[in-house]
PDB file of N, CA and C in Angstrom:
ATOM      1  N   MET A   1     117.647 181.245 145.253  1.00  0.00           N
ATOM      2  CA  MET A   1     115.314 180.165 145.748  1.00  0.00           C
ATOM      3  C   MET A   1     116.277 179.731 146.287  1.00  0.00           C
ATOM      4  N   ALA A   2     115.232 179.066 147.856  1.00  0.00           N
ATOM      5  CA  ALA A   2     115.606 178.083 148.502  1.00  0.00           C
ATOM      6  C   ALA A   2     115.115 177.082 148.019  1.00  0.00           C
ATOM      7  N   LEU A   3     115.488 175.386 148.461  1.00  0.00           N
ATOM      8  CA  LEU A   3     114.908 174.505 147.988  1.00  0.00           C
ATOM      9  C   LEU A   3     114.767 173.974 149.045  1.00  0.00           C
ATOM     10  N   ASN A   4     113.358 173.500 149.441  1.00  0.00           N
ATOM     11  CA  ASN A   4     112.963 172.062 149.924  1.00  0.00           C
ATOM     12  C   ASN A   4     113.340 170.867 149.675  1.00  0.00           C
ATOM     13  N   THR A   5     113.687 169.661 150.581  1.00  0.00           N
ATOM     14  CA  THR A   5     113.954 168.641 150.543  1.00  0.00           C
ATOM     15  C   THR A   5     112.834 168.372 151.257  1.00  0.00           C
ATOM     16  N   LEU A   6     112.507 167.107 150.557  1.00  0.00           N
ATOM     17  CA  LEU A   6     111.777 165.617 151.489  1.00  0.00           C
ATOM     18  C   LEU A   6     111.959 164.648 152.123  1.00  0.00           C
ATOM     19  N   GLU A   7     111.536 163.608 152.712  1.00  0.00           N
ATOM     20  CA  GLU A   7     112.442 162.547 152.619  1.00  0.00           C
ATOM     21  C   GLU A   7     111.428 161.725 153.153  1.00  0.00           C
ATOM     22  N   PHE A   8     110.841 160.505 152.397  1.00  0.00           N
ATOM     23  CA  PHE A   8     109.688 159.403 153.118  1.00  0.00           C
ATOM     24  C   PHE A   8     110.649 158.289 152.964  1.00  0.00           C
ATOM     25  N   ASP A   9     110.158 157.180 153.961  1.00  0.00           N
ATOM     26  CA  ASP A   9     110.827 155.908 153.967  1.00  0.00           C
ATOM     27  C   ASP A   9     109.359 155.269 153.425  1.00  0.00           C
ATOM     28  N   CYS A  10     109.020 154.016 152.284  1.00  0.00           N
ATOM     29  CA  CYS A  10     107.408 153.783 152.377  1.00  0.00           C
ATOM     30  C   CYS A  10     107.652 152.287 152.078  1.00  0.00           C
ATOM     31  N   LYS A  11     106.252 151.433 151.927  1.00  0.00           N
ATOM     32  CA  LYS A  11     106.905 150.048 152.033  1.00  0.00           C
ATOM     33  C   LYS A  11     105.675 149.010 151.610  1.00  0.00           C
ATOM     34  N   ALA A  12     105.615 149.006 150.543  1.00  0.00           N
ATOM     35  CA  ALA A  12     104.479 148.779 149.906  1.00  0.00           C
ATOM     36  C   ALA A  12     103.912 147.077 150.269  1.00  0.00           C
ATOM     37  N   GLU A  13     102.125 146.862 151.014  1.00  0.00           N
ATOM     38  CA  GLU A  13     101.459 146.078 150.981  1.00  0.00           C
ATOM     39  C   GLU A  13     101.812 145.218 151.160  1.00  0.00           C
ATOM     40  N   ALA A  14     102.010 145.132 149.790  1.00  0.00           N
ATOM     41  CA  ALA A  14     102.714 143.568 148.496  1.00  0.00           C
ATOM     42  C   ALA A  14     103.615 143.670 147.926  1.00  0.00           C
ATOM     43  N   ALA A  15     104.813 144.503 148.693  1.00  0.00           N
ATOM     44  CA  ALA A  15     105.873 144.531 147.899  1.00  0.00           C
ATOM     45  C   ALA A  15     106.817 143.368 146.688  1.00  0.00           C
ATOM     46  N   SER A  16     106.841 143.336 145.944  1.00  0.00           N
ATOM     47  CA  SER A  16     107.212 141.980 144.882  1.00  0.00           C
ATOM     48  C   SER A  16     108.390 142.594 143.812  1.00  0.00           C
ATOM     49  N   VAL A  17     107.953 144.330 143.268  1.00  0.00           N
ATOM     50  CA  VAL A  17     108.744 144.623 141.841  1.00  0.00           C
ATOM     51  C   VAL A  17     110.166 145.385 142.757  1.00  0.00           C
ATOM     52  N   ARG A  18     111.356 144.075 141.993  1.00  0.00           N
ATOM     53  CA  ARG A  18     112.667 145.063 142.472  1.00  0.00           C
ATOM     54  C   ARG A  18     113.630 145.314 141.378  1.00  0.00           C
ATOM     55  N   LEU A  19     114.097 146.242 141.115  1.00  0.00           N
ATOM     56  CA  LEU A  19     114.695 146.568 139.367  1.00  0.00           C
ATOM     57  C   LEU A  19     116.072 145.935 139.328  1.00  0.00           C
ATOM     58  N   ALA A  20     116.446 145.910 138.499  1.00  0.00           N
ATOM     59  CA  ALA A  20     117.276 145.470 138.285  1.00  0.00           C
ATOM     60  C   ALA A  20     118.732 146.247 137.860  1.00  0.00           C
ATOM     61  N   ALA A  21     117.637 147.492 137.030  1.00  0.00           N
ATOM     62  CA  ALA A  21     119.237 148.770 137.088  1.00  0.00           C
ATOM     63  C   ALA A  21     118.616 150.286 136.945  1.00  0.00           C
ATOM     64  N   PRO A  22     119.058 150.692 137.576  1.00  0.00           N
ATOM     65  CA  PRO A  22     119.052 152.564 137.718  1.00  0.00           C
ATOM     66  C   PRO A  22     118.009 152.885 136.412  1.00  0.00           C
ATOM     67  N   VAL A  23     117.322 153.906 136.830  1.00  0.00           N
ATOM     68  CA  VAL A  23     116.413 154.510 135.504  1.00  0.00           C
ATOM     69  C   VAL A  23     116.705 156.076 135.845  1.00  0.00           C
ATOM     70  N   HIS A  24     116.021 156.736 134.437  1.00  0.00           N
ATOM     71  CA  HIS A  24     116.205 158.164 135.023  1.00  0.00           C
ATOM     72  C   HIS A  24     115.282 158.606 133.890  1.00  0.00           C
ATOM     73  N   TYR A  25     114.913 159.710 134.375  1.00  0.00           N
ATOM     74  CA  TYR A  25     113.683 159.666 133.738  1.00  0.00           C
ATOM     75  C   TYR A  25     112.941 161.323 133.515  1.00  0.00           C
ATOM     76  N   GLY A  26     112.394 161.660 132.355  1.00  0.00           N
ATOM     77  CA  GLY A  26     112.256 163.562 133.427  1.00  0.00           C
ATOM     78  C   GLY A  26     113.650 164.660 133.131  1.00  0.00           C
ATOM     79  N   VAL A  27     113.157 165.600 132.985  1.00  0.00           N
ATOM     80  CA  VAL A  27     113.932 167.093 132.925  1.00  0.00           C
ATOM     81  C   VAL A  27     113.369 167.804 133.915  1.00  0.00           C
ATOM     82  N   VAL A  28     114.275 168.508 134.705  1.00  0.00           N
ATOM     83  CA  VAL A  28     113.625 169.320 135.586  1.00  0.00           C
ATOM     84  C   VAL A  28     113.101 170.423 134.864  1.00  0.00           C
ATOM     85  N   GLY A  29     112.403 171.197 134.844  1.00  0.00           N
ATOM     86  CA  GLY A  29     111.708 172.464 133.955  1.00  0.00           C
ATOM     87  C   GLY A  29     110.712 173.124 134.642  1.00  0.00           C
ATOM     88  N   SER A  30     110.537 173.524 133.946  1.00  0.00           N
ATOM     89  CA  SER A  30     109.208 174.947 134.303  1.00  0.00           C
ATOM     90  C   SER A  30     107.569 173.551 134.455  1.00  0.00           C
ATOM     91  N   GLY A  31     107.689 173.561 135.750  1.00  0.00           N
ATOM     92  CA  GLY A  31     106.136 172.728 135.775  1.00  0.00           C
ATOM     93  C   GLY A  31     106.890 171.022 135.140  1.00  0.00           C
ATOM     94  N   ASP A  32     107.399 170.756 135.595  1.00  0.00           N
ATOM     95  CA  ASP A  32     107.858 169.102 135.429  1.00  0.00           C
ATOM     96  C   ASP A  32     109.144 168.456 136.478  1.00  0.00           C
ATOM     97  N   LEU A  33     109.507 167.787 136.503  1.00  0.00           N
ATOM     98  CA  LEU A  33     110.485 167.330 136.806  1.00  0.00           C
ATOM     99  C   LEU A  33     111.470 165.488 136.007  1.00  0.00           C
ATOM    100  N   GLU A  34     112.471 165.442 137.157  1.00  0.00           N
ATOM    101  CA  GLU A  34     113.005 164.476 136.955  1.00  0.00           C
ATOM    102  C   GLU A  34     112.835 163.272 138.060  1.00  0.00           C
ATOM    103  N   VAL A  35     113.025 161.914 138.093  1.00  0.00           N
ATOM    104  CA  VAL A  35     112.433 161.017 138.439  1.00  0.00           C
ATOM    105  C   VAL A  35     114.141 159.766 138.614  1.00  0.00           C
ATOM    106  N   ILE A  36     114.894 159.982 139.331  1.00  0.00           N
ATOM    107  CA  ILE A  36     115.678 158.799 138.883  1.00  0.00           C
ATOM    108  C   ILE A  36     115.283 157.252 140.492  1.00  0.00           C
ATOM    109  N   LEU A  37     115.174 156.278 139.615  1.00  0.00           N
ATOM    110  CA  LEU A  37     114.887 154.958 140.289  1.00  0.00           C
ATOM    111  C   LEU A  37     115.950 154.210 140.607  1.00  0.00           C
ATOM    112  N   GLU A  38     116.341 154.189 141.770  1.00  0.00           N
ATOM    113  CA  GLU A  38     117.449 152.631 141.764  1.00  0.00           C
ATOM    114  C   GLU A  38     117.221 151.652 142.537  1.00  0.00           C
ATOM    115  N   PRO A  39     118.268 150.581 142.424  1.00  0.00           N
ATOM    116  CA  PRO A  39     117.675 149.425 143.296  1.00  0.00           C
ATOM    117  C   PRO A  39     118.654 150.118 144.446  1.00  0.00           C
ATOM    118  N   CYS A  40     118.295 149.057 145.909  1.00  0.00           N
ATOM    119  CA  CYS A  40     118.534 149.607 146.471  1.00  0.00           C
ATOM    120  C   CYS A  40     118.293 148.836 147.698  1.00  0.00           C
ATOM    121  N   ASP A  41     119.056 148.014 148.312  1.00  0.00           N
ATOM    122  CA  ASP A  41     118.545 147.082 149.708  1.00  0.00           C
ATOM    123  C   ASP A  41     118.626 147.837 150.651  1.00  0.00           C
ATOM    124  N   LEU A  42     116.646 147.602 151.035  1.00  0.00           N
ATOM    125  CA  LEU A  42     116.142 148.631 152.316  1.00  0.00           C
ATOM    126  C   LEU A  42     115.253 147.645 152.555  1.00  0.00           C
ATOM    127  N   GLY A  43     115.913 146.177 152.725  1.00  0.00           N
ATOM    128  CA  GLY A  43     115.196 145.532 153.509  1.00  0.00           C
ATOM    129  C   GLY A  43     113.003 144.917 153.012  1.00  0.00           C
ATOM    130  N   GLY A  44     113.840 145.228 152.067  1.00  0.00           N
ATOM    131  CA  GLY A  44     112.312 146.121 151.058  1.00  0.00           C
ATOM    132  C   GLY A  44     111.406 147.026 151.212  1.00  0.00           C
ATOM    133  N   GLY A  45     111.342 147.988 151.587  1.00  0.00           N
ATOM    134  CA  GLY A  45     111.544 149.350 152.204  1.00  0.00           C
ATOM    135  C   GLY A  45     111.620 150.017 150.604  1.00  0.00           C
ATOM    136  N   VAL A  46     110.983 151.197 150.473  1.00  0.00           N
ATOM    137  CA  VAL A  46     111.277 152.397 149.346  1.00  0.00           C
ATOM    138  C   VAL A  46     112.188 153.546 150.042  1.00  0.00           C
ATOM    139  N   LYS A  47     112.725 154.052 149.389  1.00  0.00           N
ATOM    140  CA  LYS A  47     113.255 155.334 150.351  1.00  0.00           C
ATOM    141  C   LYS A  47     112.937 156.605 148.930  1.00  0.00           C
ATOM    142  N   VAL A  48     112.386 157.737 149.886  1.00  0.00           N
ATOM    143  CA  VAL A  48     112.205 158.787 148.744  1.00  0.00           C
ATOM    144  C   VAL A  48     112.913 159.623 148.925  1.00  0.00           C
ATOM    145  N   LYS A  49     113.574 160.891 148.187  1.00  0.00           N
ATOM    146  CA  LYS A  49     114.411 161.738 148.642  1.00  0.00           C
ATOM    147  C   LYS A  49     113.593 162.555 147.535  1.00  0.00           C
ATOM    148  N   VAL A  50     112.127 164.489 147.723  1.00  0.00           N
ATOM    149  CA  VAL A  50     112.338 164.866 146.931  1.00  0.00           C
ATOM    150  C   VAL A  50     112.968 166.531 147.153  1.00  0.00           C
ATOM    151  N   THR A  51     113.427 167.206 145.985  1.00  0.00           N
ATOM    152  CA  THR A  51     114.132 168.338 145.983  1.00  0.00           C
ATOM    153  C   THR A  51     112.755 168.901 145.472  1.00  0.00           C
ATOM    154  N   THR A  52     112.695 170.228 145.893  1.00  0.00           N
ATOM    155  CA  THR A  52     111.378 171.658 145.564  1.00  0.00           C
ATOM    156  C   THR A  52     111.446 172.752 145.727  1.00  0.00           C
ATOM    157  N   PRO A  53     110.949 173.409 145.271  1.00  0.00           N
ATOM    158  CA  PRO A  53     111.244 174.839 145.387  1.00  0.00           C
ATOM    159  C   PRO A  53     109.716 175.035 146.333  1.00  0.00           C
ATOM    160  N   ILE A  54     108.908 174.389 146.494  1.00  0.00           N
ATOM    161  CA  ILE A  54     107.462 174.392 146.784  1.00  0.00           C
ATOM    162  C   ILE A  54     107.650 173.997 148.329  1.00  0.00           C
ATOM    163  N   SER A  55     107.139 174.617 149.294  1.00  0.00           N
ATOM    164  CA  SER A  55     107.299 174.231 150.763  1.00  0.00           C
ATOM    165  C   SER A  55     106.073 173.901 151.008  1.00  0.00           C
ATOM    166  N   GLY A  56     105.143 173.482 152.221  1.00  0.00           N
ATOM    167  CA  GLY A  56     103.863 173.148 152.456  1.00  0.00           C
ATOM    168  C   GLY A  56     102.942 172.384 152.134  1.00  0.00           C
ATOM    169  N   PHE A  57     103.727 171.398 151.221  1.00  0.00           N
ATOM    170  CA  PHE A  57     102.241 170.198 150.471  1.00  0.00           C
ATOM    171  C   PHE A  57     103.471 168.835 150.843  1.00  0.00           C
ATOM    172  N   ASP A  58     103.524 168.747 152.288  1.00  0.00           N
ATOM    173  CA  ASP A  58     104.733 167.466 152.647  1.00  0.00           C
ATOM    174  C   ASP A  58     103.959 165.996 152.388  1.00  0.00           C
ATOM    175  N   ALA A  59     102.272 166.855 152.665  1.00  0.00           N
ATOM    176  CA  ALA A  59     101.886 165.015 152.606  1.00  0.00           C
ATOM    177  C   ALA A  59     100.687 165.091 151.726  1.00  0.00           C
ATOM    178  N   VAL A  60     101.146 165.942 150.432  1.00  0.00           N
ATOM    179  CA  VAL A  60     100.630 165.749 149.459  1.00  0.00           C
ATOM    180  C   VAL A  60     101.401 164.355 148.566  1.00  0.00           C
ATOM    181  N   TRP A  61     101.982 165.453 148.930  1.00  0.00           N
ATOM    182  CA  TRP A  61     104.087 164.641 148.102  1.00  0.00           C
ATOM    183  C   TRP A  61     103.930 163.266 149.125  1.00  0.00           C
ATOM    184  N   ARG A  62     103.816 162.865 150.022  1.00  0.00           N
ATOM    185  CA  ARG A  62     104.088 161.722 150.482  1.00  0.00           C
ATOM    186  C   ARG A  62     102.455 160.042 150.526  1.00  0.00           C
ATOM    187  N   LYS A  63     101.487 161.223 149.560  1.00  0.00           N
ATOM    188  CA  LYS A  63     100.152 160.833 149.860  1.00  0.00           C
ATOM    189  C   LYS A  63     100.440 159.947 148.202  1.00  0.00           C
ATOM    190  N   VAL A  64     101.057 161.020 146.861  1.00  0.00           N
ATOM    191  CA  VAL A  64     101.465 160.843 145.442  1.00  0.00           C
ATOM    192  C   VAL A  64     102.044 159.071 145.666  1.00  0.00           C
ATOM    193  N   VAL A  65     103.556 159.542 146.798  1.00  0.00           N
ATOM    194  CA  VAL A  65     104.557 159.120 146.512  1.00  0.00           C
ATOM    195  C   VAL A  65     104.170 157.694 146.817  1.00  0.00           C
ATOM    196  N   GLU A  66     102.782 157.684 148.152  1.00  0.00           N
ATOM    197  CA  GLU A  66     103.070 155.977 148.687  1.00  0.00           C
ATOM    198  C   GLU A  66     101.657 155.393 147.822  1.00  0.00           C
ATOM    199  N   THR A  67     100.773 156.505 146.989  1.00  0.00           N
ATOM    200  CA  THR A  67     100.218 155.658 146.764  1.00  0.00           C
ATOM    201  C   THR A  67     100.764 155.136 145.109  1.00  0.00           C
ATOM    202  N   PHE A  68     102.049 155.359 144.187  1.00  0.00           N
ATOM    203  CA  PHE A  68     102.402 155.025 143.455  1.00  0.00           C
ATOM    204  C   PHE A  68     103.270 153.681 143.762  1.00  0.00           C
ATOM    205  N   VAL A  69     104.249 153.521 145.082  1.00  0.00           N
ATOM    206  CA  VAL A  69     105.351 152.620 145.865  1.00  0.00           C
ATOM    207  C   VAL A  69     103.996 151.339 145.844  1.00  0.00           C
ATOM    208  N   ASN A  70     102.829 151.319 146.596  1.00  0.00           N
ATOM    209  CA  ASN A  70     101.863 150.781 146.602  1.00  0.00           C
ATOM    210  C   ASN A  70     101.579 149.859 144.966  1.00  0.00           C
ATOM    211  N   ARG A  71     100.739 151.021 143.973  1.00  0.00           N
ATOM    212  CA  ARG A  71      99.807 149.870 142.936  1.00  0.00           C
ATOM    213  C   ARG A  71     101.532 149.474 142.253  1.00  0.00           C
ATOM    214  N   ALA A  72     102.387 149.994 142.428  1.00  0.00           N
ATOM    215  CA  ALA A  72     103.438 149.632 141.611  1.00  0.00           C
ATOM    216  C   ALA A  72     104.204 148.023 142.405  1.00  0.00           C
ATOM    217  N   ARG A  73     104.182 148.407 143.748  1.00  0.00           N
ATOM    218  CA  ARG A  73     104.817 146.798 144.565  1.00  0.00           C
ATOM    219  C   ARG A  73     105.954 147.164 144.207  1.00  0.00           C
ATOM    220  N   LEU A  74     106.277 148.230 144.979  1.00  0.00           N
ATOM    221  CA  LEU A  74     107.230 148.109 144.319  1.00  0.00           C
ATOM    222  C   LEU A  74     108.133 147.814 145.783  1.00  0.00           C
ATOM    223  N   ALA A  75     109.833 147.514 146.422  1.00  0.00           N
ATOM    224  CA  ALA A  75     110.596 146.921 147.144  1.00  0.00           C
ATOM    225  C   ALA A  75     112.418 146.879 146.391  1.00  0.00           C
ATOM    226  N   ASP A  76     112.612 147.577 148.055  1.00  0.00           N
ATOM    227  CA  ASP A  76     114.030 148.019 147.847  1.00  0.00           C
ATOM    228  C   ASP A  76     114.965 148.612 146.561  1.00  0.00           C
ATOM    229  N   VAL A  77     113.537 150.177 146.716  1.00  0.00           N
ATOM    230  CA  VAL A  77     114.555 151.409 145.472  1.00  0.00           C
ATOM    231  C   VAL A  77     114.177 152.742 145.858  1.00  0.00           C
ATOM    232  N   ALA A  78     115.228 153.056 145.981  1.00  0.00           N
ATOM    233  CA  ALA A  78     115.854 154.426 146.190  1.00  0.00           C
ATOM    234  C   ALA A  78     114.873 155.830 145.249  1.00  0.00           C
ATOM    235  N   ILE A  79     114.152 156.517 145.589  1.00  0.00           N
ATOM    236  CA  ILE A  79     113.622 157.217 144.355  1.00  0.00           C
ATOM    237  C   ILE A  79     113.754 158.847 144.826  1.00  0.00           C
ATOM    238  N   ASP A  80     114.634 159.317 143.943  1.00  0.00           N
ATOM    239  CA  ASP A  80     115.283 160.672 143.894  1.00  0.00           C
ATOM    240  C   ASP A  80     114.190 161.314 143.069  1.00  0.00           C
ATOM    241  N   ILE A  81     113.212 162.575 142.962  1.00  0.00           N
ATOM    242  CA  ILE A  81     112.572 163.583 142.819  1.00  0.00           C
ATOM    243  C   ILE A  81     113.165 164.811 143.310  1.00  0.00           C
ATOM    244  N   ASN A  82     113.453 165.598 141.582  1.00  0.00           N
ATOM    245  CA  ASN A  82     113.409 166.734 141.518  1.00  0.00           C
ATOM    246  C   ASN A  82     112.500 167.385 140.935  1.00  0.00           C
ATOM    247  N   ASP A  83     111.627 168.652 141.554  1.00  0.00           N
ATOM    248  CA  ASP A  83     111.040 168.674 140.994  1.00  0.00           C
ATOM    249  C   ASP A  83     111.126 170.162 140.643  1.00  0.00           C
ATOM    250  N   ASN A  84     110.378 170.986 139.814  1.00  0.00           N
ATOM    251  CA  ASN A  84     110.749 172.737 139.351  1.00  0.00           C
ATOM    252  C   ASN A  84     108.720 172.541 138.869  1.00  0.00           C
ATOM    253  N   ASN A  85     108.007 172.386 140.217  1.00  0.00           N
ATOM    254  CA  ASN A  85     106.602 172.912 140.390  1.00  0.00           C
ATOM    255  C   ASN A  85     105.892 172.311 139.599  1.00  0.00           C
ATOM    256  N   ALA A  86     105.615 171.069 139.761  1.00  0.00           N
ATOM    257  CA  ALA A  86     104.841 169.624 139.004  1.00  0.00           C
ATOM    258  C   ALA A  86     103.515 169.762 139.753  1.00  0.00           C
ATOM    259  N   SER A  87     102.818 169.699 138.898  1.00  0.00           N
ATOM    260  CA  SER A  87     101.765 169.658 139.725  1.00  0.00           C
ATOM    261  C   SER A  87     101.245 167.492 139.852  1.00  0.00           C
ATOM    262  N   PRO A  88     100.723 167.337 141.446  1.00  0.00           N
ATOM    263  CA  PRO A  88     100.691 165.654 141.695  1.00  0.00           C
ATOM    264  C   PRO A  88     100.220 165.146 140.507  1.00  0.00           C
ATOM    265  N   ALA A  89      99.299 165.391 139.717  1.00  0.00           N
ATOM    266  CA  ALA A  89      99.157 164.901 138.873  1.00  0.00           C
ATOM    267  C   ALA A  89     100.550 164.350 137.249  1.00  0.00           C
ATOM    268  N   VAL A  90     101.333 165.229 137.036  1.00  0.00           N
ATOM    269  CA  VAL A  90     102.111 164.941 136.424  1.00  0.00           C
ATOM    270  C   VAL A  90     103.781 163.883 137.227  1.00  0.00           C
ATOM    271  N   VAL A  91     103.570 164.143 138.082  1.00  0.00           N
ATOM    272  CA  VAL A  91     104.456 163.981 139.610  1.00  0.00           C
ATOM    273  C   VAL A  91     104.242 162.039 139.045  1.00  0.00           C
ATOM    274  N   SER A  92     103.021 162.274 139.116  1.00  0.00           N
ATOM    275  CA  SER A  92     102.637 160.538 139.080  1.00  0.00           C
ATOM    276  C   SER A  92     102.857 159.449 137.928  1.00  0.00           C
ATOM    277  N   MET A  93     102.507 160.537 136.673  1.00  0.00           N
ATOM    278  CA  MET A  93     103.045 160.357 135.400  1.00  0.00           C
ATOM    279  C   MET A  93     104.071 160.170 135.033  1.00  0.00           C
ATOM    280  N   ARG A  94     105.394 160.793 135.869  1.00  0.00           N
ATOM    281  CA  ARG A  94     106.537 160.428 135.354  1.00  0.00           C
ATOM    282  C   ARG A  94     106.704 159.150 136.594  1.00  0.00           C
ATOM    283  N   LEU A  95     106.920 159.211 137.854  1.00  0.00           N
ATOM    284  CA  LEU A  95     106.860 158.181 138.424  1.00  0.00           C
ATOM    285  C   LEU A  95     106.370 156.802 137.300  1.00  0.00           C
ATOM    286  N   GLN A  96     105.248 157.039 136.419  1.00  0.00           N
ATOM    287  CA  GLN A  96     104.818 155.754 136.408  1.00  0.00           C
ATOM    288  C   GLN A  96     105.696 155.781 135.459  1.00  0.00           C
ATOM    289  N   GLN A  97     105.721 156.601 133.733  1.00  0.00           N
ATOM    290  CA  GLN A  97     106.716 156.608 132.691  1.00  0.00           C
ATOM    291  C   GLN A  97     107.978 155.904 133.466  1.00  0.00           C
ATOM    292  N   ALA A  98     109.073 156.332 134.060  1.00  0.00           N
ATOM    293  CA  ALA A  98     109.904 156.194 134.509  1.00  0.00           C
ATOM    294  C   ALA A  98     110.125 154.665 135.736  1.00  0.00           C
ATOM    295  N   LEU A  99     109.084 154.224 135.892  1.00  0.00           N
ATOM    296  CA  LEU A  99     108.896 152.687 136.069  1.00  0.00           C
ATOM    297  C   LEU A  99     108.749 151.879 134.519  1.00  0.00           C
ATOM    298  N   ALA A 100     107.808 152.564 133.793  1.00  0.00           N
ATOM    299  CA  ALA A 100     108.234 151.551 132.374  1.00  0.00           C
ATOM    300  C   ALA A 100     109.177 151.631 131.608  1.00  0.00           C
ATOM    301  N   GLU A 101     110.198 152.586 132.014  1.00  0.00           N
ATOM    302  CA  GLU A 101     111.160 152.165 131.476  1.00  0.00           C
ATOM    303  C   GLU A 101     112.615 151.249 132.042  1.00  0.00           C
ATOM    304  N   THR A 102     111.407 150.611 133.079  1.00  0.00           N
ATOM    305  CA  THR A 102     112.116 149.318 133.464  1.00  0.00           C
ATOM    306  C   THR A 102     112.477 148.238 133.324  1.00  0.00           C
ATOM    307  N   ALA A 103     110.878 148.262 132.075  1.00  0.00           N
ATOM    308  CA  ALA A 103     110.820 146.568 131.777  1.00  0.00           C
ATOM    309  C   ALA A 103     111.459 147.107 130.030  1.00  0.00           C
ATOM    310  N   ALA A 104     111.800 147.927 129.880  1.00  0.00           N
ATOM    311  CA  ALA A 104     112.118 148.423 128.252  1.00  0.00           C
ATOM    312  C   ALA A 104     113.306 147.843 127.819  1.00  0.00           C
TER     313      ALA A 104
END
């Protein structure tokens, strides 16, 4: 199975949330994904890399990720998403769960 790699650069409109340490959340499995958040000096931006077996949904991935980054007000974070056919709702949920782990 060939994997599709997508890369996005985002910047939250009111970026103010920075991570103190890396976070890993989720498992790559059928219909699920893992999220890795890492602090990274990106001039206030967010770099996203998505690895997925599905192609043709670049705009959907971008919209889900940009919505998350803006709502979370993230800055200076690298996000790696390793997907195995997760729906946009599951992607959003896993991103929120990973962010919640940073406060734990």
